[in-house]
Amino acid sequence: MTEIMAERAGDEPTGRAWAKILLPRILRAVVWGLLMGGELLLVSYMPEVGEEFYKYLPIEPMAFSHFLVLFIVFEVAIQLLRGTIFPYALRTARAVISMILLVVITNGGVMSLTLQPTPEIPLPAGMGITISVDFQAVLGVFLLLSLLSIVKNVLHAVDFMAEAEETGFPPELP
């Protein structure tokens, strides 16, 4: 950062100065994107693992892949925009989307799985087993934690803006 500030006094910053700032940010963003869903996305596309994985998921495989990509994009954007106000807004949006998806995917906290007769599950012809799990209380706790995350991010954004007002805004990034 000091190179850029020194160069600002005279000429425009060189590509080398920008690379010193952007390369670590991009690397950090890629690593965090992989940690926040990228590995699950890669594993879900493995032939043998993916079939078993999606068999027990109460959502279509393509929809699940889209959700993973959405969260990866959120995390990459958050990491790239570190040091600005935007990560707080993106984290808040991610928490809201997580809450909505959690309620939709879990059917409001009541999940049902119907087992039909297969060679692995020998049942009389025409019969099936339905297993229902009611975990609305657990879902309520997760939603409350997401609300706390939203409040935390809003308070951090207010604190960031107050601090930036006192100390001045950092130099612009490309």
Protein backbone atom coordinates (compact mmCIF):
# COMPACT_ATOMS: atom_id res chain seq x y z
CA MET A 1 0.00 0.00 0.00
CA THR A 2 2.83 2.40 0.73
CA GLU A 3 4.19 1.97 -2.81
CA ILE A 4 0.87 2.99 -4.24
CA MET A 5 0.57 5.95 -1.90
CA ALA A 6 4.13 7.02 -2.80
CA GLU A 7 3.42 6.63 -6.49
CA ARG A 8 0.18 8.59 -6.16
CA ALA A 9 2.15 11.67 -5.34
CA GLY A 10 3.77 11.46 -8.75
CA ASP A 11 2.68 9.08 -11.43
CA GLU A 12 -0.03 6.48 -11.70
CA PRO A 13 0.74 3.21 -9.92
CA THR A 14 2.49 0.60 -12.02
CA GLY A 15 1.14 -2.81 -12.83
CA ARG A 16 3.63 -4.32 -10.42
CA ALA A 17 2.21 -2.27 -7.51
CA TRP A 18 -1.34 -3.31 -8.36
CA ALA A 19 -0.27 -6.94 -8.72
CA LYS A 20 1.21 -6.88 -5.20
CA ILE A 21 -2.22 -5.86 -3.90
CA LEU A 22 -4.48 -7.91 -6.14
CA LEU A 23 -2.65 -11.25 -6.26
CA PRO A 24 -2.95 -12.00 -2.52
CA ARG A 25 -6.60 -10.90 -2.61
CA ILE A 26 -7.38 -13.16 -5.56
CA LEU A 27 -5.53 -16.09 -3.99
CA ARG A 28 -7.36 -15.60 -0.68
CA ALA A 29 -10.68 -15.35 -2.52
CA VAL A 30 -10.08 -18.58 -4.43
CA VAL A 31 -9.07 -20.48 -1.29
CA TRP A 32 -12.06 -19.22 0.69
CA GLY A 33 -14.37 -19.97 -2.25
CA LEU A 34 -13.12 -23.56 -2.25
CA LEU A 35 -13.56 -23.82 1.51
CA MET A 36 -17.08 -22.35 1.48
CA GLY A 37 -18.60 -24.80 -0.97
CA GLY A 38 -16.16 -25.48 -3.74
CA GLU A 39 -15.01 -28.79 -2.29
CA LEU A 40 -18.62 -29.96 -1.92
CA LEU A 41 -19.34 -28.94 -5.49
CA LEU A 42 -16.31 -30.89 -6.73
CA VAL A 43 -17.19 -33.96 -4.66
CA SER A 44 -20.82 -33.89 -5.79
CA TYR A 45 -19.72 -34.21 -9.41
CA MET A 46 -17.61 -37.30 -8.75
CA PRO A 47 -19.47 -40.19 -10.41
CA GLU A 48 -19.84 -42.63 -7.53
CA VAL A 49 -19.97 -40.15 -4.66
CA GLY A 50 -22.34 -37.73 -6.38
CA GLU A 51 -25.02 -40.35 -7.07
CA GLU A 52 -25.12 -41.43 -3.42
CA PHE A 53 -24.95 -37.84 -2.23
CA TYR A 54 -27.93 -36.66 -4.30
CA LYS A 55 -30.01 -39.75 -3.53
CA TYR A 56 -30.72 -38.52 0.00
CA LEU A 57 -30.89 -34.81 -0.70
CA PRO A 58 -34.43 -33.37 -0.70
CA ILE A 59 -33.60 -31.03 -3.60
CA GLU A 60 -32.81 -31.45 -7.27
CA PRO A 61 -29.09 -31.90 -8.04
CA MET A 62 -28.95 -28.92 -10.43
CA ALA A 63 -30.67 -26.64 -7.91
CA PHE A 64 -28.22 -27.72 -5.22
CA SER A 65 -25.31 -27.02 -7.56
CA HIS A 66 -26.70 -23.57 -8.26
CA PHE A 67 -26.95 -22.87 -4.52
CA LEU A 68 -23.34 -23.95 -4.02
CA VAL A 69 -22.17 -21.75 -6.88
CA LEU A 70 -24.14 -18.84 -5.38
CA PHE A 71 -22.43 -19.23 -2.01
CA ILE A 72 -19.02 -19.60 -3.66
CA VAL A 73 -19.59 -16.37 -5.60
CA PHE A 74 -20.65 -14.60 -2.40
CA GLU A 75 -17.51 -15.74 -0.59
CA VAL A 76 -15.18 -14.81 -3.45
CA ALA A 77 -16.77 -11.35 -3.69
CA ILE A 78 -16.52 -10.88 0.09
CA GLN A 79 -12.83 -11.75 0.07
CA LEU A 80 -12.05 -9.61 -2.97
CA LEU A 81 -13.78 -6.56 -1.49
CA ARG A 82 -12.18 -6.85 1.95
CA GLY A 83 -11.45 -3.50 3.52
CA THR A 84 -14.59 -1.87 2.10
CA ILE A 85 -18.22 -1.67 3.20
CA PHE A 86 -19.36 -4.22 0.60
CA PRO A 87 -18.43 -7.42 2.49
CA TYR A 88 -20.86 -6.49 5.25
CA ALA A 89 -23.68 -6.05 2.75
CA LEU A 90 -22.77 -9.31 1.00
CA ARG A 91 -22.63 -11.23 4.29
CA THR A 92 -26.05 -9.86 5.21
CA ALA A 93 -27.46 -10.89 1.83
CA ARG A 94 -25.88 -14.33 2.20
CA ALA A 95 -27.50 -14.76 5.64
CA VAL A 96 -30.92 -13.78 4.29
CA ILE A 97 -30.58 -16.17 1.34
CA SER A 98 -29.41 -18.93 3.70
CA MET A 99 -32.47 -18.45 5.87
CA ILE A 100 -34.84 -18.62 2.92
CA LEU A 101 -33.13 -21.67 1.42
CA LEU A 102 -33.06 -23.48 4.76
CA VAL A 103 -36.79 -23.04 5.21
CA VAL A 104 -37.58 -24.04 1.62
CA ILE A 105 -35.25 -27.05 1.46
CA THR A 106 -36.38 -28.44 4.82
CA ASN A 107 -40.07 -27.82 4.07
CA GLY A 108 -40.45 -25.61 7.12
CA GLY A 109 -38.65 -28.02 9.44
CA VAL A 110 -40.52 -31.21 8.51
CA MET A 111 -38.66 -33.54 6.18
CA SER A 112 -40.05 -36.77 4.77
CA LEU A 113 -38.27 -39.57 2.98
CA THR A 114 -40.22 -42.34 1.25
CA LEU A 115 -38.43 -45.64 0.69
CA GLN A 116 -39.76 -47.75 -2.18
CA PRO A 117 -38.97 -51.45 -2.65
CA THR A 118 -35.60 -52.02 -4.32
CA PRO A 119 -33.17 -54.93 -4.29
CA GLU A 120 -31.39 -53.26 -1.34
CA ILE A 121 -34.68 -52.59 0.50
CA PRO A 122 -36.83 -55.74 0.26
CA LEU A 123 -40.45 -54.74 0.93
CA PRO A 124 -43.70 -56.35 -0.18
CA ALA A 125 -44.82 -55.19 -3.63
CA GLY A 126 -46.76 -51.94 -3.63
CA MET A 127 -45.64 -50.93 -0.14
CA GLY A 128 -43.27 -48.24 0.97
CA ILE A 129 -41.96 -46.73 4.15
CA THR A 130 -42.26 -43.03 4.86
CA ILE A 131 -39.93 -41.53 7.43
CA SER A 132 -40.78 -38.04 8.68
CA VAL A 133 -38.56 -35.92 10.88
CA ASP A 134 -39.92 -32.81 12.60
CA PHE A 135 -37.09 -30.51 13.61
CA GLN A 136 -38.83 -27.14 13.63
CA ALA A 137 -37.21 -26.24 16.95
CA VAL A 138 -33.73 -26.85 15.51
CA LEU A 139 -34.66 -24.87 12.41
CA GLY A 140 -35.83 -22.04 14.68
CA VAL A 141 -32.44 -21.98 16.41
CA PHE A 142 -30.64 -21.85 13.05
CA LEU A 143 -32.88 -18.99 11.92
CA LEU A 144 -32.22 -17.07 15.15
CA LEU A 145 -28.47 -17.53 14.64
CA SER A 146 -28.85 -16.21 11.09
CA LEU A 147 -30.73 -13.18 12.43
CA LEU A 148 -27.89 -12.57 14.88
CA SER A 149 -25.47 -12.77 11.97
CA ILE A 150 -27.48 -10.14 10.11
CA VAL A 151 -27.52 -7.82 13.14
CA LYS A 152 -23.77 -8.36 13.65
CA ASN A 153 -23.01 -7.47 10.02
CA VAL A 154 -25.17 -4.35 10.13
CA LEU A 155 -23.45 -3.20 13.33
CA HIS A 156 -20.02 -3.90 11.83
CA ALA A 157 -20.98 -1.89 8.74
CA VAL A 158 -22.04 1.06 10.91
CA ASP A 159 -18.79 0.78 12.88
CA PHE A 160 -16.76 0.60 9.65
CA MET A 161 -18.43 3.74 8.29
CA ALA A 162 -17.94 5.62 11.57
CA GLU A 163 -14.27 4.61 11.67
CA ALA A 164 -13.79 5.56 8.02
CA GLU A 165 -15.33 8.95 8.71
CA GLU A 166 -12.83 9.58 11.51
CA THR A 167 -9.69 8.25 9.87
CA GLY A 168 -10.48 8.84 6.22
CA PHE A 169 -11.22 6.36 3.52
CA PRO A 170 -8.42 4.06 2.27
CA PRO A 171 -6.97 4.61 -1.19
CA GLU A 172 -9.08 3.20 -3.99
CA LEU A 173 -8.50 -0.29 -5.25
CA PRO A 174 -8.69 -1.16 -8.93
